[in-house]
Protein backbone atom coordinates (compact mmCIF):
# COMPACT_ATOMS: atom_id res chain seq x y z
CA MET A 1 2.80 1.68 -22.40
CA LYS A 2 2.01 -0.53 -19.18
CA TRP A 3 3.05 0.36 -15.73
CA ASP A 4 5.91 -2.03 -15.59
CA GLU A 5 7.51 -0.86 -19.14
CA TYR A 6 7.04 2.60 -17.61
CA LYS A 7 8.58 1.96 -14.24
CA GLN A 8 11.51 0.14 -15.93
CA LYS A 9 12.09 2.82 -18.31
CA LYS A 10 12.22 5.58 -15.48
CA LEU A 11 14.32 3.41 -13.12
CA GLN A 12 17.14 3.68 -15.73
CA ASN A 13 17.17 7.58 -14.30
CA PRO A 14 19.86 7.59 -11.47
CA GLU A 15 18.01 10.08 -9.48
CA PHE A 16 14.61 8.37 -10.31
CA LYS A 17 15.94 5.29 -9.06
CA GLN A 18 16.98 6.97 -5.89
CA ALA A 19 13.64 8.34 -4.89
CA TYR A 20 11.71 5.21 -5.93
CA ASP A 21 14.28 3.10 -3.68
CA GLU A 22 13.57 5.77 -0.79
CA LEU A 23 9.84 5.04 -0.96
CA GLU A 24 10.12 1.11 -1.77
CA VAL A 25 8.36 0.08 1.58
CA GLU A 26 5.79 2.94 1.12
CA TYR A 27 4.52 1.82 -2.49
CA ALA A 28 5.22 -1.71 -1.49
CA ILE A 29 2.40 -1.12 1.45
CA MET A 30 0.00 0.90 -1.29
CA ASN A 31 0.32 -1.82 -3.74
CA GLU A 32 -0.60 -4.78 -1.66
CA MET A 33 -3.35 -2.91 0.17
CA LEU A 34 -4.71 -2.28 -3.46
CA ARG A 35 -4.36 -5.76 -4.42
CA LEU A 36 -5.78 -7.49 -1.64
CA ARG A 37 -8.87 -4.98 -1.37
CA GLY A 38 -9.05 -5.73 -5.24
CA GLU A 39 -9.07 -9.38 -4.88
CA ALA A 40 -11.86 -9.11 -2.17
CA GLY A 41 -13.82 -7.07 -4.17
CA MET A 42 -14.23 -4.40 -1.21
CA SER A 43 -14.97 -1.01 -1.56
CA GLN A 44 -12.88 1.57 0.94
CA SER A 45 -15.98 2.14 2.99
CA GLN A 46 -16.44 -1.92 3.16
CA LEU A 47 -12.52 -2.01 4.48
CA SER A 48 -13.51 0.99 6.59
CA LYS A 49 -16.04 -0.79 8.70
CA LYS A 50 -14.23 -3.72 8.87
CA THR A 51 -11.11 -1.99 10.56
CA GLY A 52 -12.47 0.94 12.32
CA ILE A 53 -10.08 3.18 10.18
CA THR A 54 -12.22 5.88 8.65
CA GLN A 55 -12.58 5.85 4.62
CA PRO A 56 -10.64 8.99 4.00
CA ASP A 57 -7.65 7.64 6.01
CA ILE A 58 -7.93 4.42 4.08
CA SER A 59 -7.71 6.28 1.00
CA LYS A 60 -4.53 8.17 2.48
CA LEU A 61 -2.95 4.90 2.73
CA GLU A 62 -3.74 3.76 -0.43
CA ASN A 63 -2.54 6.97 -2.27
CA GLY A 64 0.72 7.17 -0.15
CA LYS A 65 -0.15 10.20 1.58
CA ALA A 66 -0.38 8.92 5.34
CA ASN A 67 2.10 7.34 7.50
CA PRO A 68 0.43 4.22 8.91
CA SER A 69 1.57 2.88 12.65
CA ILE A 70 2.26 -0.98 12.90
CA ALA A 71 -1.35 -1.13 14.97
CA THR A 72 -3.12 0.39 11.65
CA LEU A 73 -1.16 -2.25 9.58
CA LYS A 74 -2.30 -4.94 11.27
CA LYS A 75 -5.98 -3.88 11.43
CA VAL A 76 -5.79 -3.67 7.66
CA ALA A 77 -4.09 -7.07 7.72
CA ARG A 78 -6.79 -8.87 9.76
CA ALA A 79 -9.86 -7.13 7.61
CA PHE A 80 -8.13 -9.55 4.72
CA GLY A 81 -7.80 -12.93 7.12
CA LYS A 82 -3.79 -11.79 6.75
CA ARG A 83 -1.28 -11.22 9.54
CA LEU A 84 1.39 -8.47 9.40
CA GLN A 85 4.95 -9.53 8.89
CA VAL A 86 7.95 -7.22 9.46
CA GLN A 87 11.19 -7.87 8.19
CA PHE A 88 14.76 -6.14 8.20
CA VAL A 89 16.57 -7.20 5.10
C-alpha cells in the first residue's frame, strides 16, 4: 500500500485525523525539507555545511524530533535558494 492510500485510510479514524491535523504544520515542514533535499541531491551533511546546522539537528528536523525556530527555517530555505513564507490561514 502506498503512503497516500495508507494515510487516507487512517484519516477515516476521527482520533487519528484529529492527531494528524494537530501535527499538520510539522509534517509539512518535514516533508518539504525532505523533498527539497532530495531534489537537490544533497545529503544531510551537505545541508549541514550550507546552513551551519549540525547534521544530527538536520536529522531531528526531518524526523519531527525538533521544534525549529524561524531563524533555523530561514537558514534551511536559503540553503535551497528559497525564502521562508509563514501564513496564518
